[in-house]
C-alpha cells in the first residue's frame, strides 16, 4: 500500500492523489470536533472563529487540563465513532473546505458524495490508540468556544500523526461498503459449509 506523509492544511491536490487503502501520516494543523461542536455551528448558527479551510478534523472530546497561565495541556486525546455526525459532514466539506475527516466507523453516502465533489477523504484511525494519538499531538494551540468543553473546537499541532488508512476517498471508493458487500457475497457459501439453511 502506498504511504504518504503530508503537511496540513491540505490542498485539493494532496487529497485527490490519495486512494482507498493508502496509508497517511501528517504534520501540522488538526482540529478536534464532536457532536456538540457541530450542533453549535450548524443547528445554532455560530460561524467558526478560525478558518477550517484545508484542515483535517478529528472526531474527539479530548481530556485536557487548563493551567494557571491559561494554556491547555493534553491528558488524553482519543477518537470517537463518526457515523452519528454524518449529517454535518457535507457542510463541513462543502461550506468550510475541510479536506479530511478522521474517526472510526466511516460515514454515509452523502458524505462520500461531498468528498467526490469538493476533494476530501475519510481517514480511519486505529481504535484504542488514544495513547499514541496523544503522543503525536505536540501542542494544544487553542480551544475555541471554551464553554463547550469537552466538545469545543480544538486546534492542535501534530507531528507524524498516524498511521491513518484512507477508508473513503475523493474518487467514490468506500472500504466499509466494499467489505460489507464482499461479506454479503460470501455469506451463502459460508451458510452452505455450515449446513445452515
N, C-alpha and C. Protein backbone atom coordinates (compact mmCIF):
# COMPACT_ATOMS: atom_id res chain seq x y z
N UNK A 1 0.83 -1.19 0.00
CA UNK A 1 0.00 0.00 0.00
C UNK A 1 0.87 1.25 0.00
N UNK A 2 0.57 2.21 -0.87
CA UNK A 2 1.33 3.46 -0.86
C UNK A 2 1.18 4.18 0.47
N UNK A 3 2.24 4.88 0.87
CA UNK A 3 2.26 5.62 2.12
C UNK A 3 2.61 7.07 1.82
N UNK A 4 1.87 7.99 2.41
CA UNK A 4 2.06 9.41 2.17
C UNK A 4 2.34 10.12 3.49
N UNK A 5 3.24 11.09 3.45
CA UNK A 5 3.49 11.96 4.59
C UNK A 5 3.17 13.38 4.13
N UNK A 6 2.10 13.94 4.64
CA UNK A 6 1.59 15.22 4.18
C UNK A 6 1.78 16.30 5.25
N UNK A 7 1.53 17.53 4.84
CA UNK A 7 1.54 18.65 5.78
C UNK A 7 0.18 19.35 5.70
N UNK A 8 -0.41 19.56 6.87
CA UNK A 8 -1.72 20.20 6.96
C UNK A 8 -1.55 21.69 7.25
N UNK A 9 -2.41 22.56 6.66
CA UNK A 9 -3.59 22.24 5.89
C UNK A 9 -3.28 21.64 4.53
N UNK A 10 -4.22 20.82 4.03
CA UNK A 10 -4.05 20.09 2.79
C UNK A 10 -4.61 20.89 1.62
N UNK A 11 -4.01 20.67 0.47
CA UNK A 11 -4.58 21.20 -0.78
C UNK A 11 -5.52 20.15 -1.37
N UNK A 12 -6.32 20.58 -2.33
CA UNK A 12 -7.17 19.62 -3.03
C UNK A 12 -6.30 18.57 -3.74
N UNK A 13 -5.18 19.00 -4.29
CA UNK A 13 -4.26 18.07 -4.96
C UNK A 13 -3.74 17.02 -3.99
N UNK A 14 -3.45 17.42 -2.75
CA UNK A 14 -2.98 16.47 -1.73
C UNK A 14 -3.97 15.32 -1.57
N UNK A 15 -5.25 15.65 -1.44
CA UNK A 15 -6.22 14.60 -1.15
C UNK A 15 -6.68 13.86 -2.39
N UNK A 16 -6.67 14.52 -3.55
CA UNK A 16 -7.09 13.83 -4.78
C UNK A 16 -6.11 12.73 -5.16
N UNK A 17 -4.85 12.83 -4.73
CA UNK A 17 -3.88 11.79 -5.05
C UNK A 17 -4.09 10.53 -4.23
N UNK A 18 -4.82 10.64 -3.13
CA UNK A 18 -5.00 9.50 -2.22
C UNK A 18 -6.05 8.55 -2.74
N UNK A 19 -5.78 7.27 -2.57
CA UNK A 19 -6.70 6.21 -2.99
C UNK A 19 -7.07 5.38 -1.77
N UNK A 20 -8.26 4.81 -1.80
CA UNK A 20 -8.69 3.94 -0.71
C UNK A 20 -7.64 2.86 -0.47
N UNK A 21 -7.29 2.68 0.80
CA UNK A 21 -6.27 1.71 1.17
C UNK A 21 -4.90 2.30 1.42
N UNK A 22 -4.67 3.53 0.94
CA UNK A 22 -3.38 4.18 1.20
C UNK A 22 -3.22 4.48 2.69
N UNK A 23 -1.98 4.64 3.11
CA UNK A 23 -1.66 4.98 4.49
C UNK A 23 -1.15 6.42 4.52
N UNK A 24 -1.62 7.19 5.51
CA UNK A 24 -1.28 8.60 5.61
C UNK A 24 -0.74 8.91 7.00
N UNK A 25 0.33 9.71 7.03
CA UNK A 25 0.81 10.40 8.22
C UNK A 25 0.84 11.88 7.86
N UNK A 26 0.68 12.75 8.84
CA UNK A 26 0.81 14.17 8.52
C UNK A 26 1.32 14.97 9.71
N UNK A 27 1.87 16.14 9.39
CA UNK A 27 2.31 17.13 10.36
C UNK A 27 1.43 18.37 10.19
N UNK A 28 1.39 19.19 11.25
CA UNK A 28 0.73 20.48 11.12
C UNK A 28 -0.56 20.61 11.88
N UNK A 29 -1.52 21.26 11.25
CA UNK A 29 -2.78 21.64 11.88
C UNK A 29 -3.77 20.48 11.92
N UNK A 30 -4.45 20.35 13.05
CA UNK A 30 -5.54 19.38 13.21
C UNK A 30 -6.58 20.00 14.13
N UNK A 31 -7.85 19.98 13.69
CA UNK A 31 -8.94 20.45 14.54
C UNK A 31 -9.68 19.27 15.15
N UNK A 32 -10.02 19.40 16.42
CA UNK A 32 -10.85 18.42 17.10
C UNK A 32 -12.28 18.93 17.19
N UNK A 33 -13.23 18.08 16.80
CA UNK A 33 -14.65 18.44 16.84
C UNK A 33 -15.45 17.23 17.34
N UNK A 34 -16.64 17.49 17.80
CA UNK A 34 -17.53 16.40 18.16
C UNK A 34 -18.98 16.84 17.97
N UNK A 35 -19.93 16.08 18.47
CA UNK A 35 -21.35 16.35 18.24
C UNK A 35 -21.72 17.79 18.60
N UNK A 36 -21.45 18.18 19.85
CA UNK A 36 -21.89 19.49 20.33
C UNK A 36 -21.23 20.63 19.56
N UNK A 37 -19.98 20.45 19.18
CA UNK A 37 -19.28 21.46 18.37
C UNK A 37 -20.09 21.75 17.11
N UNK A 38 -20.52 20.69 16.45
CA UNK A 38 -21.20 20.85 15.16
C UNK A 38 -22.66 21.26 15.32
N UNK A 39 -23.28 20.84 16.39
CA UNK A 39 -24.62 21.35 16.70
C UNK A 39 -24.56 22.86 16.90
N UNK A 40 -23.55 23.31 17.59
CA UNK A 40 -23.36 24.75 17.84
C UNK A 40 -23.14 25.49 16.52
N UNK A 41 -22.37 24.88 15.62
CA UNK A 41 -22.11 25.51 14.33
C UNK A 41 -23.33 25.51 13.43
N UNK A 42 -23.91 24.35 13.24
CA UNK A 42 -24.91 24.19 12.18
C UNK A 42 -26.35 24.38 12.65
N UNK A 43 -26.68 23.86 13.82
CA UNK A 43 -28.05 23.99 14.31
C UNK A 43 -28.28 25.33 15.01
N UNK A 44 -27.22 25.87 15.62
CA UNK A 44 -27.35 27.13 16.36
C UNK A 44 -26.68 28.31 15.65
N UNK A 45 -26.19 28.05 14.45
CA UNK A 45 -25.73 29.10 13.53
C UNK A 45 -24.59 29.97 14.07
N UNK A 46 -23.53 29.32 14.58
CA UNK A 46 -22.34 30.03 15.01
C UNK A 46 -21.21 29.74 14.02
N UNK A 47 -20.68 30.79 13.43
CA UNK A 47 -19.57 30.63 12.50
C UNK A 47 -18.29 30.32 13.28
N UNK A 48 -17.46 29.41 12.79
CA UNK A 48 -16.20 29.13 13.47
C UNK A 48 -15.34 30.39 13.58
N UNK A 49 -14.65 30.58 14.69
CA UNK A 49 -13.82 31.76 14.87
C UNK A 49 -12.45 31.64 14.19
N UNK A 50 -12.23 30.56 13.48
CA UNK A 50 -10.97 30.31 12.80
C UNK A 50 -11.29 29.58 11.50
N UNK A 51 -10.46 29.75 10.49
CA UNK A 51 -10.70 29.08 9.21
C UNK A 51 -10.42 27.59 9.30
N UNK A 52 -11.34 26.79 8.76
CA UNK A 52 -11.16 25.34 8.69
C UNK A 52 -10.68 24.91 7.31
N UNK A 53 -10.46 25.85 6.42
CA UNK A 53 -10.14 25.53 5.03
C UNK A 53 -8.87 24.70 4.92
N UNK A 54 -8.99 23.57 4.25
CA UNK A 54 -7.85 22.68 4.03
C UNK A 54 -7.53 21.78 5.20
N UNK A 55 -8.20 21.97 6.30
CA UNK A 55 -7.82 21.27 7.53
C UNK A 55 -8.41 19.87 7.61
N UNK A 56 -7.74 18.99 8.35
CA UNK A 56 -8.36 17.75 8.80
C UNK A 56 -9.06 18.01 10.12
N UNK A 57 -10.18 17.32 10.33
CA UNK A 57 -10.92 17.39 11.59
C UNK A 57 -11.04 15.98 12.16
N UNK A 58 -10.73 15.84 13.44
CA UNK A 58 -10.82 14.55 14.11
C UNK A 58 -12.01 14.56 15.06
N UNK A 59 -12.77 13.47 15.08
CA UNK A 59 -13.92 13.35 15.97
C UNK A 59 -13.42 12.96 17.36
N UNK A 60 -13.43 13.92 18.27
CA UNK A 60 -12.86 13.70 19.59
C UNK A 60 -13.51 14.61 20.62
N UNK A 61 -13.50 14.18 21.86
CA UNK A 61 -13.82 15.02 23.02
C UNK A 61 -12.66 14.82 23.99
N UNK A 62 -11.57 15.55 23.80
CA UNK A 62 -10.32 15.25 24.50
C UNK A 62 -10.36 15.57 25.99
N UNK A 63 -9.51 14.89 26.69
CA UNK A 63 -9.27 15.20 28.10
C UNK A 63 -8.08 16.16 28.15
N UNK A 64 -8.36 17.39 28.56
CA UNK A 64 -7.34 18.44 28.64
C UNK A 64 -7.40 19.10 30.01
N UNK A 65 -6.31 19.76 30.38
CA UNK A 65 -6.26 20.50 31.64
C UNK A 65 -5.80 21.92 31.34
N UNK A 66 -6.53 22.89 31.89
CA UNK A 66 -6.15 24.29 31.72
C UNK A 66 -5.25 24.70 32.88
N UNK A 67 -4.09 25.25 32.55
CA UNK A 67 -3.10 25.60 33.56
C UNK A 67 -3.33 27.04 34.03
N UNK A 68 -2.59 27.41 35.08
CA UNK A 68 -2.76 28.73 35.68
C UNK A 68 -2.45 29.86 34.70
N UNK A 69 -1.58 29.59 33.72
CA UNK A 69 -1.24 30.64 32.74
C UNK A 69 -2.21 30.69 31.56
N UNK A 70 -3.29 29.89 31.66
CA UNK A 70 -4.33 29.93 30.62
C UNK A 70 -4.10 29.01 29.45
N UNK A 71 -3.01 28.26 29.46
CA UNK A 71 -2.74 27.31 28.38
C UNK A 71 -3.43 25.98 28.68
N UNK A 72 -3.58 25.19 27.63
CA UNK A 72 -4.21 23.87 27.76
C UNK A 72 -3.17 22.79 27.59
N UNK A 73 -3.17 21.83 28.49
CA UNK A 73 -2.28 20.68 28.41
C UNK A 73 -3.08 19.44 28.03
N UNK A 74 -2.51 18.62 27.18
CA UNK A 74 -3.16 17.37 26.79
C UNK A 74 -3.01 16.34 27.91
N UNK A 75 -4.06 15.59 28.13
CA UNK A 75 -4.02 14.44 29.03
C UNK A 75 -4.24 13.18 28.21
N UNK A 76 -5.37 13.14 27.51
CA UNK A 76 -5.66 12.01 26.62
C UNK A 76 -6.57 12.50 25.50
N UNK A 77 -6.17 12.22 24.27
CA UNK A 77 -6.96 12.62 23.10
C UNK A 77 -7.28 11.36 22.30
N UNK A 78 -8.48 10.86 22.49
CA UNK A 78 -8.92 9.67 21.76
C UNK A 78 -9.87 10.06 20.64
N UNK A 79 -10.39 9.06 19.96
CA UNK A 79 -11.27 9.28 18.81
C UNK A 79 -12.56 8.53 19.00
N UNK A 80 -13.64 9.12 18.53
CA UNK A 80 -14.95 8.51 18.68
C UNK A 80 -15.52 8.11 17.31
N UNK A 81 -16.63 7.40 17.34
CA UNK A 81 -17.30 6.93 16.13
C UNK A 81 -17.90 8.09 15.35
N UNK A 82 -17.76 8.03 14.05
CA UNK A 82 -18.13 9.16 13.19
C UNK A 82 -19.58 9.16 12.71
N UNK A 83 -20.21 8.01 12.59
CA UNK A 83 -21.47 7.93 11.85
C UNK A 83 -22.56 8.84 12.39
N UNK A 84 -22.61 9.02 13.70
CA UNK A 84 -23.69 9.87 14.24
C UNK A 84 -23.49 11.34 13.89
N UNK A 85 -22.30 11.71 13.40
CA UNK A 85 -22.03 13.08 12.99
C UNK A 85 -22.08 13.24 11.48
N UNK A 86 -22.57 12.23 10.79
CA UNK A 86 -22.61 12.25 9.33
C UNK A 86 -23.39 13.45 8.79
N UNK A 87 -24.46 13.84 9.46
CA UNK A 87 -25.32 14.90 8.91
C UNK A 87 -24.60 16.24 8.77
N UNK A 88 -23.52 16.43 9.53
CA UNK A 88 -22.77 17.68 9.46
C UNK A 88 -21.67 17.66 8.40
N UNK A 89 -21.26 16.48 8.00
CA UNK A 89 -20.04 16.36 7.19
C UNK A 89 -20.13 17.01 5.82
N UNK A 90 -21.22 16.84 5.05
CA UNK A 90 -21.25 17.51 3.74
C UNK A 90 -21.04 19.02 3.83
N UNK A 91 -21.58 19.67 4.86
CA UNK A 91 -21.39 21.11 5.00
C UNK A 91 -19.99 21.45 5.49
N UNK A 92 -19.42 20.61 6.36
CA UNK A 92 -18.03 20.85 6.78
C UNK A 92 -17.13 20.87 5.55
N UNK A 93 -17.36 19.94 4.65
CA UNK A 93 -16.54 19.83 3.44
C UNK A 93 -16.89 20.92 2.43
N UNK A 94 -18.18 21.07 2.13
CA UNK A 94 -18.60 21.98 1.08
C UNK A 94 -18.55 23.45 1.46
N UNK A 95 -19.00 23.78 2.67
CA UNK A 95 -19.07 25.18 3.09
C UNK A 95 -17.76 25.68 3.67
N UNK A 96 -17.09 24.82 4.45
CA UNK A 96 -15.91 25.28 5.18
C UNK A 96 -14.59 24.75 4.62
N UNK A 97 -14.64 23.89 3.62
CA UNK A 97 -13.41 23.46 2.95
C UNK A 97 -12.57 22.46 3.71
N UNK A 98 -13.17 21.72 4.64
CA UNK A 98 -12.44 20.68 5.36
C UNK A 98 -12.01 19.61 4.36
N UNK A 99 -10.76 19.17 4.43
CA UNK A 99 -10.22 18.22 3.45
C UNK A 99 -10.16 16.78 3.95
N UNK A 100 -10.28 16.57 5.27
CA UNK A 100 -10.22 15.21 5.79
C UNK A 100 -11.00 15.12 7.09
N UNK A 101 -11.73 14.04 7.25
CA UNK A 101 -12.39 13.70 8.49
C UNK A 101 -11.68 12.47 9.03
N UNK A 102 -11.31 12.50 10.31
CA UNK A 102 -10.62 11.39 10.95
C UNK A 102 -11.51 10.83 12.04
N UNK A 103 -11.73 9.53 12.01
CA UNK A 103 -12.58 8.92 13.02
C UNK A 103 -12.59 7.42 12.89
N UNK A 104 -13.64 6.84 13.47
CA UNK A 104 -13.83 5.39 13.44
C UNK A 104 -15.20 5.09 12.85
N UNK A 105 -15.29 4.03 12.07
CA UNK A 105 -16.57 3.53 11.61
C UNK A 105 -17.10 4.06 10.31
N UNK A 106 -16.50 5.12 9.77
CA UNK A 106 -16.90 5.61 8.47
C UNK A 106 -18.10 6.55 8.51
N UNK A 107 -18.51 6.95 7.31
CA UNK A 107 -19.63 7.86 7.11
C UNK A 107 -20.52 7.31 6.01
N UNK A 108 -21.59 8.04 5.67
CA UNK A 108 -22.58 7.54 4.73
C UNK A 108 -22.41 8.17 3.34
N UNK A 109 -23.34 7.79 2.46
CA UNK A 109 -23.20 8.10 1.04
C UNK A 109 -23.18 9.61 0.75
N UNK A 110 -23.98 10.40 1.47
CA UNK A 110 -23.99 11.83 1.19
C UNK A 110 -22.65 12.48 1.54
N UNK A 111 -21.98 11.96 2.56
CA UNK A 111 -20.64 12.46 2.87
C UNK A 111 -19.64 12.06 1.79
N UNK A 112 -19.77 10.82 1.29
CA UNK A 112 -18.89 10.37 0.21
C UNK A 112 -19.08 11.23 -1.04
N UNK A 113 -20.33 11.59 -1.33
CA UNK A 113 -20.59 12.46 -2.49
C UNK A 113 -19.93 13.83 -2.32
N UNK A 114 -19.96 14.37 -1.10
CA UNK A 114 -19.29 15.65 -0.84
C UNK A 114 -17.79 15.52 -1.01
N UNK A 115 -17.23 14.38 -0.62
CA UNK A 115 -15.80 14.14 -0.80
C UNK A 115 -15.44 14.12 -2.28
N UNK A 116 -16.27 13.48 -3.08
CA UNK A 116 -16.03 13.43 -4.52
C UNK A 116 -16.12 14.82 -5.15
N UNK A 117 -17.13 15.57 -4.76
CA UNK A 117 -17.37 16.88 -5.37
C UNK A 117 -16.30 17.89 -5.01
N UNK A 118 -15.91 17.93 -3.75
CA UNK A 118 -15.05 19.01 -3.27
C UNK A 118 -13.59 18.60 -3.05
N UNK A 119 -13.31 17.30 -3.03
CA UNK A 119 -11.95 16.83 -2.78
C UNK A 119 -11.64 16.70 -1.31
N UNK A 120 -12.08 15.59 -0.74
CA UNK A 120 -11.83 15.32 0.68
C UNK A 120 -11.77 13.81 0.87
N UNK A 121 -11.32 13.38 2.04
CA UNK A 121 -11.19 11.95 2.34
C UNK A 121 -11.63 11.69 3.78
N UNK A 122 -11.95 10.43 4.02
CA UNK A 122 -12.18 9.95 5.39
C UNK A 122 -10.99 9.08 5.75
N UNK A 123 -10.32 9.44 6.85
CA UNK A 123 -9.15 8.70 7.30
C UNK A 123 -9.50 7.93 8.56
N UNK A 124 -9.41 6.62 8.48
CA UNK A 124 -9.74 5.76 9.61
C UNK A 124 -8.54 5.64 10.53
N UNK A 125 -8.79 5.78 11.82
CA UNK A 125 -7.74 5.68 12.82
C UNK A 125 -7.91 4.37 13.57
N UNK A 126 -6.84 3.85 14.09
CA UNK A 126 -6.88 2.59 14.83
C UNK A 126 -7.63 2.80 16.14
N UNK A 127 -8.65 2.00 16.38
CA UNK A 127 -9.38 2.08 17.63
C UNK A 127 -8.50 1.70 18.81
N UNK A 128 -8.70 2.39 19.94
CA UNK A 128 -7.93 2.08 21.14
C UNK A 128 -6.53 2.63 21.14
N UNK A 129 -6.23 3.55 20.20
CA UNK A 129 -4.87 4.07 20.08
C UNK A 129 -4.74 5.48 20.66
N UNK A 130 -5.54 5.81 21.67
CA UNK A 130 -5.53 7.17 22.21
C UNK A 130 -4.17 7.55 22.76
N UNK A 131 -3.46 6.60 23.38
CA UNK A 131 -2.14 6.92 23.94
C UNK A 131 -1.18 7.36 22.84
N UNK A 132 -1.21 6.66 21.70
CA UNK A 132 -0.35 7.03 20.57
C UNK A 132 -0.77 8.37 20.00
N UNK A 133 -2.08 8.57 19.79
CA UNK A 133 -2.57 9.85 19.26
C UNK A 133 -2.11 11.00 20.14
N UNK A 134 -2.23 10.83 21.44
CA UNK A 134 -1.88 11.89 22.38
C UNK A 134 -0.40 12.24 22.27
N UNK A 135 0.45 11.24 22.12
CA UNK A 135 1.89 11.50 21.96
C UNK A 135 2.18 12.28 20.68
N UNK A 136 1.40 12.04 19.65
CA UNK A 136 1.65 12.68 18.36
C UNK A 136 1.14 14.12 18.30
N UNK A 137 0.38 14.53 19.30
CA UNK A 137 -0.05 15.93 19.42
C UNK A 137 1.05 16.70 20.15
N UNK A 138 1.67 17.63 19.45
CA UNK A 138 2.76 18.40 20.04
C UNK A 138 2.25 19.52 20.94
N UNK A 139 1.12 20.12 20.56
CA UNK A 139 0.64 21.27 21.32
C UNK A 139 -0.85 21.47 21.10
N UNK A 140 -1.53 21.88 22.16
CA UNK A 140 -2.89 22.40 22.04
C UNK A 140 -2.74 23.90 21.80
N UNK A 141 -2.91 24.32 20.55
CA UNK A 141 -2.66 25.72 20.20
C UNK A 141 -3.77 26.64 20.69
N UNK A 142 -5.01 26.14 20.66
CA UNK A 142 -6.14 26.97 21.08
C UNK A 142 -7.35 26.08 21.36
N UNK A 143 -8.20 26.57 22.23
CA UNK A 143 -9.52 25.96 22.46
C UNK A 143 -10.54 27.05 22.17
N UNK A 144 -11.24 26.91 21.06
CA UNK A 144 -12.27 27.87 20.66
C UNK A 144 -13.61 27.41 21.24
N UNK A 145 -14.44 28.36 21.63
CA UNK A 145 -15.73 28.06 22.28
C UNK A 145 -15.50 27.22 23.54
N UNK A 146 -14.70 27.74 24.45
CA UNK A 146 -14.34 27.02 25.68
C UNK A 146 -15.55 26.56 26.47
N UNK A 147 -16.65 27.31 26.38
CA UNK A 147 -17.84 26.95 27.16
C UNK A 147 -18.42 25.60 26.73
N UNK A 148 -18.00 25.08 25.58
CA UNK A 148 -18.48 23.78 25.11
C UNK A 148 -17.58 22.62 25.57
N UNK A 149 -16.45 22.94 26.18
CA UNK A 149 -15.51 21.88 26.59
C UNK A 149 -16.22 20.82 27.44
N UNK A 150 -16.05 19.51 27.16
CA UNK A 150 -15.03 18.87 26.31
C UNK A 150 -15.44 18.65 24.85
N UNK A 151 -16.43 19.41 24.36
CA UNK A 151 -16.81 19.30 22.95
C UNK A 151 -16.69 20.66 22.28
N UNK A 152 -15.61 21.36 22.60
CA UNK A 152 -15.32 22.65 21.98
C UNK A 152 -14.69 22.41 20.61
N UNK A 153 -14.14 23.46 20.04
CA UNK A 153 -13.39 23.36 18.79
C UNK A 153 -11.92 23.48 19.16
N UNK A 154 -11.18 22.38 19.00
CA UNK A 154 -9.80 22.29 19.47
C UNK A 154 -8.84 22.45 18.29
N UNK A 155 -7.82 23.24 18.51
CA UNK A 155 -6.81 23.46 17.49
C UNK A 155 -5.50 22.86 17.99
N UNK A 156 -5.09 21.77 17.33
CA UNK A 156 -3.88 21.06 17.71
C UNK A 156 -2.79 21.26 16.67
N UNK A 157 -1.54 21.11 17.11
CA UNK A 157 -0.41 20.96 16.18
C UNK A 157 0.15 19.57 16.38
N UNK A 158 0.27 18.80 15.29
CA UNK A 158 0.68 17.40 15.38
C UNK A 158 1.93 17.15 14.56
N UNK A 159 2.60 16.03 14.89
CA UNK A 159 3.76 15.57 14.12
C UNK A 159 3.65 14.07 13.94
N UNK A 160 3.86 13.63 12.69
CA UNK A 160 3.79 12.19 12.35
C UNK A 160 2.48 11.58 12.84
N UNK A 161 1.38 12.29 12.63
CA UNK A 161 0.09 11.81 13.10
C UNK A 161 -0.37 10.68 12.20
N UNK A 162 -0.54 9.51 12.79
CA UNK A 162 -0.92 8.33 12.03
C UNK A 162 -0.38 7.07 12.70
N UNK A 163 -0.49 5.93 12.07
CA UNK A 163 -0.95 5.73 10.69
C UNK A 163 -2.47 5.83 10.57
N UNK A 164 -2.88 6.44 9.46
CA UNK A 164 -4.29 6.60 9.12
C UNK A 164 -4.53 5.89 7.80
N UNK A 165 -5.63 5.18 7.69
CA UNK A 165 -5.98 4.48 6.45
C UNK A 165 -7.02 5.29 5.69
N UNK A 166 -6.80 5.46 4.40
CA UNK A 166 -7.80 6.12 3.56
C UNK A 166 -8.94 5.13 3.36
N UNK A 167 -10.03 5.36 4.10
CA UNK A 167 -11.16 4.43 4.04
C UNK A 167 -12.24 4.89 3.06
N UNK A 168 -12.33 6.19 2.82
CA UNK A 168 -13.24 6.76 1.83
C UNK A 168 -12.45 7.82 1.08
N UNK A 169 -12.42 7.71 -0.24
CA UNK A 169 -11.58 8.65 -1.00
C UNK A 169 -12.41 9.59 -1.85
N UNK A 170 -11.73 10.50 -2.53
CA UNK A 170 -12.41 11.51 -3.34
C UNK A 170 -12.82 10.99 -4.71
N UNK A 171 -12.59 9.71 -4.95
CA UNK A 171 -12.94 9.09 -6.23
C UNK A 171 -14.17 8.19 -6.10
N UNK A 172 -14.76 8.16 -4.90
CA UNK A 172 -16.00 7.43 -4.71
C UNK A 172 -15.85 6.06 -4.08
N UNK A 173 -14.64 5.66 -3.72
CA UNK A 173 -14.47 4.35 -3.07
C UNK A 173 -14.70 4.46 -1.57
N UNK A 174 -15.33 3.43 -1.03
CA UNK A 174 -15.66 3.35 0.38
C UNK A 174 -15.32 1.94 0.85
N UNK A 175 -14.22 1.79 1.58
CA UNK A 175 -13.80 0.46 2.01
C UNK A 175 -14.81 -0.22 2.93
N UNK A 176 -15.52 0.57 3.72
CA UNK A 176 -16.54 -0.02 4.59
C UNK A 176 -17.62 -0.70 3.75
N UNK A 177 -18.08 -0.04 2.71
CA UNK A 177 -19.11 -0.61 1.83
C UNK A 177 -18.57 -1.81 1.07
N UNK A 178 -17.31 -1.73 0.64
CA UNK A 178 -16.72 -2.84 -0.10
C UNK A 178 -16.59 -4.09 0.77
N UNK A 179 -16.18 -3.92 2.01
CA UNK A 179 -16.08 -5.06 2.92
C UNK A 179 -17.46 -5.65 3.20
N UNK A 180 -18.45 -4.78 3.42
CA UNK A 180 -19.81 -5.26 3.64
C UNK A 180 -20.33 -6.05 2.45
N UNK A 181 -20.13 -5.51 1.24
CA UNK A 181 -20.63 -6.18 0.03
C UNK A 181 -19.94 -7.53 -0.17
N UNK A 182 -18.64 -7.59 0.10
CA UNK A 182 -17.92 -8.85 -0.04
C UNK A 182 -18.39 -9.87 0.98
N UNK A 183 -18.66 -9.42 2.20
CA UNK A 183 -19.18 -10.33 3.23
C UNK A 183 -20.54 -10.89 2.82
N UNK A 184 -21.40 -10.04 2.29
CA UNK A 184 -22.72 -10.49 1.84
C UNK A 184 -22.60 -11.46 0.67
N UNK A 185 -21.63 -11.22 -0.20
CA UNK A 185 -21.42 -12.13 -1.34
C UNK A 185 -21.01 -13.52 -0.87
N UNK A 186 -20.19 -13.56 0.17
CA UNK A 186 -19.68 -14.84 0.66
C UNK A 186 -20.64 -15.57 1.60
N UNK A 187 -21.62 -14.86 2.10
CA UNK A 187 -22.49 -15.41 3.13
C UNK A 187 -23.20 -16.71 2.72
N UNK A 188 -23.79 -16.79 1.53
CA UNK A 188 -24.44 -18.05 1.17
C UNK A 188 -23.50 -19.27 1.20
N UNK A 189 -22.27 -19.08 0.74
CA UNK A 189 -21.30 -20.17 0.76
C UNK A 189 -20.92 -20.55 2.19
N UNK A 190 -20.79 -19.57 3.04
CA UNK A 190 -20.50 -19.84 4.45
C UNK A 190 -21.64 -20.63 5.08
N UNK A 191 -22.86 -20.19 4.82
CA UNK A 191 -24.02 -20.92 5.34
C UNK A 191 -24.04 -22.36 4.83
N UNK A 192 -23.71 -22.52 3.53
CA UNK A 192 -23.72 -23.87 2.94
C UNK A 192 -22.71 -24.78 3.65
N UNK A 193 -21.51 -24.24 3.89
CA UNK A 193 -20.48 -25.03 4.55
C UNK A 193 -20.84 -25.37 6.00
N UNK A 194 -21.60 -24.51 6.61
CA UNK A 194 -22.02 -24.75 7.99
C UNK A 194 -23.27 -25.65 8.08
N UNK A 195 -23.86 -25.89 6.92
CA UNK A 195 -25.07 -26.70 6.92
C UNK A 195 -26.29 -25.97 7.42
N UNK A 196 -26.25 -24.63 7.29
CA UNK A 196 -27.38 -23.82 7.74
C UNK A 196 -28.25 -23.53 6.54
N UNK A 197 -29.55 -23.72 6.70
CA UNK A 197 -30.47 -23.48 5.58
C UNK A 197 -30.65 -22.00 5.34
